Amino acid sequence: QVQLVESGGGSVQAGDSLRLSCAASGRTSDMYAVGWFRQAPGKEREFVAAISWSGHNTYFADAVEGRFTASRDNSQNTVYLQMNSLKLEDTALYHCAAERVYSPAYAGGRSWLEYDFWGQGTEVTVSS
């Protein structure tokens, strides 16, 4: 079992930046790819970003490409989502999720169904 705790959310203005953190505990000796998902009120959960165990491979949803980056520090069991140039439509509850993998290069999937463990989420509110 792996427990995930997100932090770093908050209320910001459009154009600002935030860095979300996803701290893992528990069975962290296994390799996990980590995905970020978000869910806005009244909308379905959507994929945002994913990062491989090695940290070398990342990919992003079109809506955030070029504005968001992902990184990780496995020595701290923490994954980060740097969000720049935030837009009103980025307002959502952001979750990180871990998928057990057997290749350090595999960055995880776009479907939330692939992920084994989830955090409770951190709220991001962007206002004009």
Foldseek 3Di string as FASTA:
>chain_A
DKAWAKDFADEEAAQAKIKMKIAIDDPLVFWKKKWKWWDAPPGDIFTAKIAFSVRPDMDGDPVQPPFWDKGDDSVRRMIMIIGGRDDQVVWTWMKMFIAGDDDRHDGDDGDPVRTDYIYPTDGHGYHD
